[in-house]
């Protein structure tokens, strides 16, 4: 599997789509990245299992 992957996501605040670069070298990670459109903080929850990548986004205060 590639060490990084471009993933199209939608901001949970403004709903706009943008490309996020995911680090697939770590099995599970949670981090905050700002929306490229509205600049609000988005919590990314990324899990990698074999060749499958699972991405969950949520508001910072959820």
C-alpha atoms as a PDB file:
ATOM      1  CA  UNK A   1       0.000   0.000   0.000  1.00  0.00           C
ATOM      2  CA  UNK A   2       1.083   3.562  -0.654  1.00  0.00           C
ATOM      3  CA  UNK A   3       2.351   5.509   2.358  1.00  0.00           C
ATOM      4  CA  UNK A   4       0.083   8.461   1.583  1.00  0.00           C
ATOM      5  CA  UNK A   5      -3.220   8.778  -0.194  1.00  0.00           C
ATOM      6  CA  UNK A   6      -5.250  11.730  -1.468  1.00  0.00           C
ATOM      7  CA  UNK A   7      -8.810  11.507  -0.179  1.00  0.00           C
ATOM      8  CA  UNK A   8     -11.723  13.737  -1.201  1.00  0.00           C
ATOM      9  CA  UNK A   9     -13.569  14.860   1.947  1.00  0.00           C
ATOM     10  CA  UNK A  10     -16.454  17.177   2.770  1.00  0.00           C
ATOM     11  CA  UNK A  11     -16.136  19.659   5.612  1.00  0.00           C
ATOM     12  CA  UNK A  12     -18.619  18.905   8.424  1.00  0.00           C
ATOM     13  CA  UNK A  13     -19.059  22.663   8.943  1.00  0.00           C
ATOM     14  CA  UNK A  14     -19.449  24.263   5.504  1.00  0.00           C
ATOM     15  CA  UNK A  15     -20.011  21.120   3.415  1.00  0.00           C
ATOM     16  CA  UNK A  16     -17.405  22.062   0.809  1.00  0.00           C
ATOM     17  CA  UNK A  17     -15.247  19.313  -0.690  1.00  0.00           C
ATOM     18  CA  UNK A  18     -11.446  19.410  -0.671  1.00  0.00           C
ATOM     19  CA  UNK A  19      -8.549  16.978  -1.044  1.00  0.00           C
ATOM     20  CA  UNK A  20      -6.833  15.804   2.132  1.00  0.00           C
ATOM     21  CA  UNK A  21      -3.552  13.892   2.152  1.00  0.00           C
ATOM     22  CA  UNK A  22      -3.738  10.889   4.470  1.00  0.00           C
ATOM     23  CA  UNK A  23      -0.733   9.173   6.034  1.00  0.00           C
ATOM     24  CA  UNK A  24      -1.367   5.459   5.487  1.00  0.00           C
ATOM     25  CA  UNK A  25       1.812   4.319   7.239  1.00  0.00           C
ATOM     26  CA  UNK A  26       0.082   4.427  10.646  1.00  0.00           C
ATOM     27  CA  UNK A  27      -2.580   1.847  11.520  1.00  0.00           C
ATOM     28  CA  UNK A  28      -4.852   4.251  13.431  1.00  0.00           C
ATOM     29  CA  UNK A  29      -4.580   7.967  14.046  1.00  0.00           C
ATOM     30  CA  UNK A  30      -6.691  10.931  15.055  1.00  0.00           C
ATOM     31  CA  UNK A  31      -5.637  14.486  14.291  1.00  0.00           C
ATOM     32  CA  UNK A  32      -7.013  17.955  13.589  1.00  0.00           C
ATOM     33  CA  UNK A  33      -6.709  19.630  10.204  1.00  0.00           C
ATOM     34  CA  UNK A  34      -8.319  22.930   9.201  1.00  0.00           C
ATOM     35  CA  UNK A  35     -10.845  23.055   6.363  1.00  0.00           C
ATOM     36  CA  UNK A  36      -9.246  24.577   3.261  1.00  0.00           C
ATOM     37  CA  UNK A  37     -12.415  26.591   2.616  1.00  0.00           C
ATOM     38  CA  UNK A  38     -13.814  27.860   5.956  1.00  0.00           C
ATOM     39  CA  UNK A  39     -10.662  27.267   8.088  1.00  0.00           C
ATOM     40  CA  UNK A  40     -12.541  25.553  10.923  1.00  0.00           C
ATOM     41  CA  UNK A  41     -10.842  22.642  12.728  1.00  0.00           C
ATOM     42  CA  UNK A  42     -11.908  19.164  11.568  1.00  0.00           C
ATOM     43  CA  UNK A  43     -11.095  16.032  13.554  1.00  0.00           C
ATOM     44  CA  UNK A  44      -9.872  13.282  11.219  1.00  0.00           C
ATOM     45  CA  UNK A  45     -10.089   9.691  12.439  1.00  0.00           C
ATOM     46  CA  UNK A  46      -8.142   7.478  10.026  1.00  0.00           C
ATOM     47  CA  UNK A  47      -7.808   3.703  10.235  1.00  0.00           C
ATOM     48  CA  UNK A  48      -5.830   1.493   7.854  1.00  0.00           C
ATOM     49  CA  UNK A  49      -6.533  -2.244   7.690  1.00  0.00           C
ATOM     50  CA  UNK A  50      -4.658  -4.216   5.050  1.00  0.00           C
ATOM     51  CA  UNK A  51      -5.351  -2.238   1.856  1.00  0.00           C
ATOM     52  CA  UNK A  52      -8.538  -0.558   3.155  1.00  0.00           C
ATOM     53  CA  UNK A  53      -8.612   3.003   4.466  1.00  0.00           C
ATOM     54  CA  UNK A  54     -11.452   4.238   6.678  1.00  0.00           C
ATOM     55  CA  UNK A  55     -11.901   7.963   7.247  1.00  0.00           C
ATOM     56  CA  UNK A  56     -14.299   9.642   9.652  1.00  0.00           C
ATOM     57  CA  UNK A  57     -14.658  13.408  10.057  1.00  0.00           C
ATOM     58  CA  UNK A  58     -16.345  15.372  12.823  1.00  0.00           C
ATOM     59  CA  UNK A  59     -16.594  18.792  14.407  1.00  0.00           C
ATOM     60  CA  UNK A  60     -13.900  19.615  16.930  1.00  0.00           C
ATOM     61  CA  UNK A  61     -16.423  19.815  19.808  1.00  0.00           C
ATOM     62  CA  UNK A  62     -18.300  16.557  19.174  1.00  0.00           C
END
